[in-house]
Amino acid sequence: MTQERVLPDDVEATGKTPLFTNDTVPDKILNHHELQAGTWGLLTVEAGTVSFFRQGEDTPVAVISSEKPFVILPEEVHYVRLSEDAKFFVTFYKRAKK
């Protein structure tokens, strides 16, 4: 079910969200949203699972666990669903400035 995705070689981390749980995750994350053009996200799960859905799809693209982070593509409209015990964060990446 999990689709293989990788970050481009020429990106660098530019920021990170706090650690989110069911109690702290912003509503925006649970509804359709997207990353800006030129920004990738690396969704890292510390506990539980996070299911990643594309806009208009009822089947998750991936169910992410602590075993392997998941790459979110720029401008990909998506939303997530969390298991009760989920804890996760997203690190943002952009192409390195030359």
Protein backbone atom coordinates (compact mmCIF):
# COMPACT_ATOMS: atom_id res chain seq x y z
CA MET A 1 0.00 0.00 0.00
CA THR A 2 2.81 2.42 0.82
CA GLN A 3 4.14 4.15 -2.24
CA GLU A 4 7.94 4.64 -2.35
CA ARG A 5 8.93 8.32 -2.33
CA VAL A 6 12.29 9.99 -1.75
CA LEU A 7 13.44 13.54 -1.13
CA PRO A 8 15.52 15.10 -3.93
CA ASP A 9 19.26 15.01 -3.26
CA ASP A 10 19.62 18.80 -3.36
CA VAL A 11 17.18 19.80 -0.61
CA GLU A 12 17.89 21.01 2.92
CA ALA A 13 15.70 21.18 6.01
CA THR A 14 14.11 24.59 6.54
CA GLY A 15 11.80 23.99 9.49
CA LYS A 16 9.76 21.54 11.50
CA THR A 17 6.34 21.33 13.13
CA PRO A 18 5.87 20.57 16.81
CA LEU A 19 5.12 16.97 17.78
CA PHE A 20 1.40 16.49 17.12
CA THR A 21 -1.07 14.11 18.78
CA ASN A 22 -4.84 13.74 18.39
CA ASP A 23 -5.22 16.42 21.04
CA THR A 24 -2.83 18.92 19.46
CA VAL A 25 -3.04 18.40 15.70
CA PRO A 26 -4.47 21.51 13.96
CA ASP A 27 -7.78 21.06 12.12
CA LYS A 28 -6.06 22.27 8.94
CA ILE A 29 -3.89 19.12 8.90
CA LEU A 30 -6.99 16.91 9.12
CA ASN A 31 -8.59 18.69 6.17
CA HIS A 32 -7.44 19.26 2.61
CA HIS A 33 -4.25 21.31 2.47
CA GLU A 34 -1.01 21.39 0.51
CA LEU A 35 2.63 22.38 0.78
CA GLN A 36 3.87 25.38 -1.17
CA ALA A 37 5.53 24.98 -4.55
CA GLY A 38 9.15 23.97 -4.01
CA THR A 39 8.57 22.61 -0.49
CA TRP A 40 8.66 18.92 0.42
CA GLY A 41 7.57 17.48 3.74
CA LEU A 42 8.96 14.48 5.56
CA LEU A 43 6.25 13.07 7.83
CA THR A 44 7.83 11.19 10.73
CA VAL A 45 5.71 9.09 13.08
CA GLU A 46 7.01 8.44 16.61
CA ALA A 47 4.03 6.37 17.81
CA GLY A 48 0.88 4.90 16.32
CA THR A 49 0.07 5.44 12.66
CA VAL A 50 -0.83 8.30 10.33
CA SER A 51 -2.88 7.55 7.20
CA PHE A 52 -2.12 9.86 4.26
CA PHE A 53 -4.88 10.57 1.71
CA ARG A 54 -4.90 12.56 -1.53
CA GLN A 55 -7.78 14.92 -2.19
CA GLY A 56 -10.86 13.08 -3.42
CA GLU A 57 -9.57 9.61 -2.50
CA ASP A 58 -10.99 7.36 0.22
CA THR A 59 -8.12 4.87 0.18
CA PRO A 60 -4.88 6.01 1.81
CA VAL A 61 -1.79 6.43 -0.33
CA ALA A 62 0.17 5.27 2.72
CA VAL A 63 -0.22 4.27 6.34
CA ILE A 64 2.91 5.63 8.00
CA SER A 65 4.39 4.13 11.15
CA SER A 66 7.63 4.69 13.03
CA GLU A 67 9.42 2.28 10.70
CA LYS A 68 9.82 4.70 7.80
CA PRO A 69 9.04 8.42 7.26
CA PHE A 70 6.87 9.46 4.29
CA VAL A 71 7.67 12.17 1.73
CA ILE A 72 4.92 14.70 0.99
CA LEU A 73 5.28 16.25 -2.46
CA PRO A 74 5.03 19.99 -3.22
CA GLU A 75 1.50 21.18 -4.03
CA GLU A 76 -0.01 17.73 -3.38
CA VAL A 77 -3.46 18.36 -1.90
CA HIS A 78 -3.90 15.91 0.96
CA TYR A 79 -5.21 15.22 4.45
CA VAL A 80 -4.34 12.76 7.21
CA ARG A 81 -6.11 10.56 9.74
CA LEU A 82 -4.43 9.55 13.00
CA SER A 83 -4.61 6.45 15.13
CA GLU A 84 -5.62 7.18 18.75
CA ASP A 85 -2.04 6.90 19.96
CA ALA A 86 -0.39 8.76 17.05
CA LYS A 87 2.50 11.15 17.60
CA PHE A 88 4.08 12.73 14.54
CA PHE A 89 5.85 15.76 13.10
CA VAL A 90 6.72 17.10 9.66
CA THR A 91 10.12 18.45 8.62
CA PHE A 92 10.06 20.83 5.66
CA TYR A 93 12.67 20.85 2.91
CA LYS A 94 13.53 23.21 0.05
CA ARG A 95 16.19 23.14 -2.63
CA ALA A 96 19.54 24.40 -1.36
CA LYS A 97 20.35 27.92 -2.49
CA LYS A 98 23.44 28.09 -4.67
